[in-house]
């Protein structure tokens, strides 16, 4: 029971913390340099990978939980330190991949 809950939590954190930066280029307001920053590119890669692993690896009951918690996390946390936020997101995705390889 611990393993499915841990993977759901890790994918939710990875997707939720990188969602704001992923969506940044799609809004008309904002700084153009910030939209093209390397942090935004890494966040986009992490977000897309987390969503892909959620859809492909998780059970039917886990997908809505992961997606709901990641949207809640993205709306709850502010992106005031993007480097730290994306670093935590990358570590979360790497930990998930480590658990996935052990399974």
N, C-alpha and C. Protein backbone atom coordinates (compact mmCIF):
# COMPACT_ATOMS: atom_id res chain seq x y z
N UNK A 1 0.83 -1.20 0.00
CA UNK A 1 0.00 0.00 0.00
C UNK A 1 0.87 1.26 0.00
N UNK A 2 2.05 1.16 0.57
CA UNK A 2 2.92 2.33 0.63
C UNK A 2 3.43 2.73 -0.74
N UNK A 3 3.76 1.75 -1.56
CA UNK A 3 4.34 2.04 -2.87
C UNK A 3 3.39 2.82 -3.79
N UNK A 4 2.11 2.43 -3.95
CA UNK A 4 1.22 3.23 -4.82
C UNK A 4 0.97 4.64 -4.29
N UNK A 5 0.87 4.78 -2.97
CA UNK A 5 0.67 6.12 -2.42
C UNK A 5 1.89 7.00 -2.61
N UNK A 6 3.07 6.42 -2.47
CA UNK A 6 4.30 7.18 -2.64
C UNK A 6 4.47 7.60 -4.10
N UNK A 7 4.16 6.72 -5.03
CA UNK A 7 4.29 7.09 -6.44
C UNK A 7 3.27 8.17 -6.82
N UNK A 8 2.07 8.07 -6.28
CA UNK A 8 1.07 9.12 -6.53
C UNK A 8 1.54 10.46 -6.00
N UNK A 9 2.10 10.45 -4.80
CA UNK A 9 2.57 11.68 -4.20
C UNK A 9 3.74 12.28 -5.00
N UNK A 10 4.67 11.45 -5.40
CA UNK A 10 5.83 11.95 -6.15
C UNK A 10 5.44 12.51 -7.51
N UNK A 11 4.55 11.84 -8.21
CA UNK A 11 4.09 12.37 -9.49
C UNK A 11 3.28 13.64 -9.32
N UNK A 12 2.50 13.71 -8.27
CA UNK A 12 1.71 14.92 -8.02
C UNK A 12 2.62 16.11 -7.73
N UNK A 13 3.65 15.90 -6.94
CA UNK A 13 4.58 16.98 -6.62
C UNK A 13 5.33 17.41 -7.88
N UNK A 14 5.78 16.45 -8.67
CA UNK A 14 6.52 16.78 -9.89
C UNK A 14 5.65 17.57 -10.86
N UNK A 15 4.43 17.14 -11.06
CA UNK A 15 3.54 17.84 -11.99
C UNK A 15 3.05 19.17 -11.43
N UNK A 16 2.72 19.18 -10.16
CA UNK A 16 2.17 20.39 -9.55
C UNK A 16 3.15 21.53 -9.45
N UNK A 17 4.39 21.22 -9.09
CA UNK A 17 5.38 22.28 -8.94
C UNK A 17 5.88 22.83 -10.28
N UNK A 18 5.75 22.06 -11.33
CA UNK A 18 6.22 22.53 -12.63
C UNK A 18 5.08 23.05 -13.52
N UNK A 19 3.85 22.95 -13.06
CA UNK A 19 2.71 23.34 -13.89
C UNK A 19 2.67 24.84 -14.18
N UNK A 20 2.95 25.66 -13.20
CA UNK A 20 2.91 27.12 -13.42
C UNK A 20 3.91 27.55 -14.48
N UNK A 21 5.12 27.03 -14.40
CA UNK A 21 6.15 27.39 -15.39
C UNK A 21 5.82 26.82 -16.75
N UNK A 22 5.20 25.65 -16.80
CA UNK A 22 4.79 25.06 -18.07
C UNK A 22 3.76 25.93 -18.77
N UNK A 23 2.83 26.49 -18.01
CA UNK A 23 1.76 27.29 -18.59
C UNK A 23 2.17 28.73 -18.87
N UNK A 24 3.31 29.16 -18.37
CA UNK A 24 3.75 30.55 -18.51
C UNK A 24 3.83 31.04 -19.96
N UNK A 25 4.39 30.29 -20.90
CA UNK A 25 4.47 30.80 -22.28
C UNK A 25 3.12 30.93 -22.99
N UNK A 26 2.09 30.32 -22.46
CA UNK A 26 0.80 30.34 -23.12
C UNK A 26 -0.08 31.52 -22.73
N UNK A 27 0.37 32.33 -21.81
CA UNK A 27 -0.36 33.53 -21.42
C UNK A 27 0.28 34.75 -22.05
N UNK A 28 -0.51 35.72 -22.52
CA UNK A 28 0.05 36.85 -23.26
C UNK A 28 0.86 37.82 -22.39
N UNK A 29 0.53 37.95 -21.13
CA UNK A 29 1.28 38.88 -20.29
C UNK A 29 2.53 38.20 -19.74
N UNK A 30 3.48 39.00 -19.32
CA UNK A 30 4.71 38.45 -18.76
C UNK A 30 5.92 38.84 -19.58
N UNK A 31 7.05 38.59 -19.00
CA UNK A 31 8.33 38.92 -19.62
C UNK A 31 8.71 37.85 -20.64
N UNK A 32 9.14 38.29 -21.82
CA UNK A 32 9.52 37.35 -22.87
C UNK A 32 10.76 36.57 -22.50
N UNK A 33 11.70 37.21 -21.79
CA UNK A 33 12.90 36.50 -21.38
C UNK A 33 12.58 35.42 -20.34
N UNK A 34 11.61 35.69 -19.49
CA UNK A 34 11.21 34.70 -18.50
C UNK A 34 10.53 33.51 -19.15
N UNK A 35 9.80 33.77 -20.23
CA UNK A 35 9.13 32.68 -20.94
C UNK A 35 10.12 31.78 -21.66
N UNK A 36 11.28 32.33 -22.06
CA UNK A 36 12.29 31.54 -22.76
C UNK A 36 13.42 31.08 -21.86
N UNK A 37 13.28 31.26 -20.58
CA UNK A 37 14.35 30.91 -19.63
C UNK A 37 14.54 29.39 -19.57
N UNK A 38 15.76 28.96 -19.27
CA UNK A 38 16.00 27.52 -19.14
C UNK A 38 15.16 26.85 -18.06
N UNK A 39 14.82 27.60 -17.02
CA UNK A 39 13.97 27.04 -15.96
C UNK A 39 12.60 26.67 -16.51
N UNK A 40 12.10 27.49 -17.41
CA UNK A 40 10.80 27.21 -18.02
C UNK A 40 10.87 25.98 -18.91
N UNK A 41 11.97 25.81 -19.61
CA UNK A 41 12.12 24.63 -20.46
C UNK A 41 12.23 23.34 -19.64
N UNK A 42 12.98 23.40 -18.55
CA UNK A 42 13.10 22.23 -17.68
C UNK A 42 11.75 21.92 -17.04
N UNK A 43 11.03 22.95 -16.63
CA UNK A 43 9.71 22.75 -16.03
C UNK A 43 8.75 22.12 -17.03
N UNK A 44 8.83 22.54 -18.27
CA UNK A 44 7.96 21.95 -19.29
C UNK A 44 8.28 20.48 -19.50
N UNK A 45 9.55 20.14 -19.52
CA UNK A 45 9.94 18.74 -19.69
C UNK A 45 9.51 17.89 -18.50
N UNK A 46 9.67 18.41 -17.29
CA UNK A 46 9.27 17.67 -16.09
C UNK A 46 7.76 17.51 -16.05
N UNK A 47 7.03 18.56 -16.38
CA UNK A 47 5.57 18.48 -16.35
C UNK A 47 5.05 17.45 -17.35
N UNK A 48 5.56 17.51 -18.57
CA UNK A 48 5.10 16.57 -19.59
C UNK A 48 5.48 15.14 -19.25
N UNK A 49 6.67 14.94 -18.69
CA UNK A 49 7.07 13.59 -18.28
C UNK A 49 6.20 13.08 -17.14
N UNK A 50 5.90 13.94 -16.17
CA UNK A 50 5.06 13.52 -15.04
C UNK A 50 3.66 13.17 -15.50
N UNK A 51 3.11 13.95 -16.40
CA UNK A 51 1.77 13.63 -16.92
C UNK A 51 1.80 12.34 -17.73
N UNK A 52 2.84 12.15 -18.53
CA UNK A 52 2.95 10.91 -19.32
C UNK A 52 3.07 9.68 -18.42
N UNK A 53 3.88 9.78 -17.36
CA UNK A 53 3.99 8.65 -16.44
C UNK A 53 2.71 8.43 -15.65
N UNK A 54 2.00 9.49 -15.38
CA UNK A 54 0.71 9.34 -14.69
C UNK A 54 -0.27 8.57 -15.54
N UNK A 55 -0.34 8.90 -16.81
CA UNK A 55 -1.29 8.25 -17.70
C UNK A 55 -0.86 6.81 -18.01
N UNK A 56 0.43 6.59 -18.19
CA UNK A 56 0.87 5.27 -18.62
C UNK A 56 1.08 4.28 -17.48
N UNK A 57 1.54 4.72 -16.33
CA UNK A 57 1.93 3.80 -15.27
C UNK A 57 0.92 3.62 -14.16
N UNK A 58 0.08 4.57 -13.93
CA UNK A 58 -0.81 4.52 -12.77
C UNK A 58 -2.10 3.76 -13.08
N UNK A 59 -2.69 3.24 -12.02
CA UNK A 59 -3.98 2.57 -12.15
C UNK A 59 -5.08 3.58 -12.42
N UNK A 60 -6.24 3.08 -12.76
CA UNK A 60 -7.36 3.95 -13.09
C UNK A 60 -7.77 4.81 -11.89
N UNK A 61 -7.67 4.28 -10.69
CA UNK A 61 -8.06 5.05 -9.50
C UNK A 61 -7.03 6.11 -9.16
N UNK A 62 -5.78 5.93 -9.58
CA UNK A 62 -4.72 6.85 -9.18
C UNK A 62 -4.63 8.08 -10.08
N UNK A 63 -5.03 7.95 -11.32
CA UNK A 63 -4.91 9.10 -12.25
C UNK A 63 -5.67 10.34 -11.78
N UNK A 64 -6.95 10.24 -11.41
CA UNK A 64 -7.63 11.45 -10.94
C UNK A 64 -7.04 12.00 -9.66
N UNK A 65 -6.53 11.13 -8.80
CA UNK A 65 -5.92 11.60 -7.55
C UNK A 65 -4.66 12.41 -7.86
N UNK A 66 -3.81 11.89 -8.72
CA UNK A 66 -2.56 12.58 -9.08
C UNK A 66 -2.86 13.92 -9.74
N UNK A 67 -3.77 13.92 -10.70
CA UNK A 67 -4.09 15.15 -11.42
C UNK A 67 -4.75 16.18 -10.53
N UNK A 68 -5.65 15.75 -9.66
CA UNK A 68 -6.33 16.69 -8.76
C UNK A 68 -5.34 17.28 -7.75
N UNK A 69 -4.49 16.45 -7.17
CA UNK A 69 -3.54 16.95 -6.20
C UNK A 69 -2.50 17.87 -6.85
N UNK A 70 -2.12 17.57 -8.09
CA UNK A 70 -1.14 18.44 -8.76
C UNK A 70 -1.75 19.79 -9.11
N UNK A 71 -2.99 19.82 -9.53
CA UNK A 71 -3.65 21.10 -9.80
C UNK A 71 -3.83 21.89 -8.51
N UNK A 72 -4.19 21.22 -7.43
CA UNK A 72 -4.32 21.89 -6.14
C UNK A 72 -2.99 22.45 -5.67
N UNK A 73 -1.93 21.67 -5.85
CA UNK A 73 -0.60 22.11 -5.45
C UNK A 73 -0.13 23.30 -6.28
N UNK A 74 -0.41 23.27 -7.57
CA UNK A 74 -0.02 24.39 -8.44
C UNK A 74 -0.78 25.66 -8.09
N UNK A 75 -2.04 25.53 -7.70
CA UNK A 75 -2.80 26.73 -7.35
C UNK A 75 -2.47 27.22 -5.94
N UNK A 76 -2.02 26.34 -5.09
CA UNK A 76 -1.74 26.70 -3.70
C UNK A 76 -0.38 27.37 -3.55
N UNK A 77 0.63 26.85 -4.22
CA UNK A 77 1.98 27.38 -4.07
C UNK A 77 2.27 28.46 -5.11
N UNK A 78 2.95 29.47 -4.68
CA UNK A 78 3.34 30.55 -5.58
C UNK A 78 4.73 30.25 -6.13
N UNK A 79 5.00 30.76 -7.31
CA UNK A 79 6.27 30.49 -7.99
C UNK A 79 7.23 31.65 -7.74
N UNK A 80 7.51 31.94 -6.45
CA UNK A 80 8.37 33.08 -6.14
C UNK A 80 9.85 32.73 -6.27
N UNK A 81 10.22 31.48 -6.13
CA UNK A 81 11.60 31.03 -6.35
C UNK A 81 11.56 29.89 -7.37
N UNK A 82 11.58 30.21 -8.65
CA UNK A 82 11.39 29.15 -9.65
C UNK A 82 12.52 28.12 -9.67
N UNK A 83 13.74 28.53 -9.38
CA UNK A 83 14.84 27.55 -9.40
C UNK A 83 14.65 26.49 -8.33
N UNK A 84 14.26 26.90 -7.15
CA UNK A 84 14.04 25.94 -6.06
C UNK A 84 12.82 25.07 -6.33
N UNK A 85 11.77 25.67 -6.84
CA UNK A 85 10.56 24.92 -7.13
C UNK A 85 10.81 23.85 -8.18
N UNK A 86 11.51 24.21 -9.24
CA UNK A 86 11.77 23.24 -10.30
C UNK A 86 12.79 22.21 -9.84
N UNK A 87 13.72 22.58 -8.99
CA UNK A 87 14.67 21.60 -8.46
C UNK A 87 13.95 20.54 -7.62
N UNK A 88 13.00 20.96 -6.82
CA UNK A 88 12.21 20.00 -6.04
C UNK A 88 11.39 19.12 -6.96
N UNK A 89 10.87 19.71 -8.01
CA UNK A 89 10.09 18.95 -8.99
C UNK A 89 10.96 17.90 -9.69
N UNK A 90 12.17 18.28 -10.06
CA UNK A 90 13.08 17.34 -10.72
C UNK A 90 13.49 16.21 -9.78
N UNK A 91 13.76 16.54 -8.53
CA UNK A 91 14.11 15.51 -7.54
C UNK A 91 12.94 14.56 -7.32
N UNK A 92 11.74 15.09 -7.30
CA UNK A 92 10.56 14.26 -7.13
C UNK A 92 10.38 13.30 -8.31
N UNK A 93 10.58 13.79 -9.51
CA UNK A 93 10.46 12.93 -10.69
C UNK A 93 11.59 11.89 -10.71
N UNK A 94 12.79 12.28 -10.33
CA UNK A 94 13.91 11.34 -10.29
C UNK A 94 13.68 10.25 -9.23
N UNK A 95 13.11 10.63 -8.10
CA UNK A 95 12.79 9.64 -7.07
C UNK A 95 11.72 8.68 -7.56
N UNK A 96 10.73 9.21 -8.27
CA UNK A 96 9.71 8.33 -8.86
C UNK A 96 10.33 7.35 -9.84
N UNK A 97 11.24 7.84 -10.67
CA UNK A 97 11.88 6.95 -11.63
C UNK A 97 12.74 5.89 -10.92
N UNK A 98 13.35 6.27 -9.81
CA UNK A 98 14.09 5.30 -9.01
C UNK A 98 13.19 4.24 -8.42
N UNK A 99 12.04 4.63 -7.90
CA UNK A 99 11.08 3.67 -7.37
C UNK A 99 10.51 2.80 -8.49
N UNK A 100 10.35 3.38 -9.64
CA UNK A 100 9.81 2.64 -10.79
C UNK A 100 10.78 1.55 -11.23
N UNK A 101 12.07 1.84 -11.18
CA UNK A 101 13.05 0.84 -11.60
C UNK A 101 13.19 -0.27 -10.57
N UNK A 102 12.92 0.01 -9.30
CA UNK A 102 12.99 -1.01 -8.25
C UNK A 102 11.82 -1.98 -8.37
N UNK A 103 10.70 -1.46 -8.76
CA UNK A 103 9.48 -2.26 -8.86
C UNK A 103 9.66 -3.34 -9.83
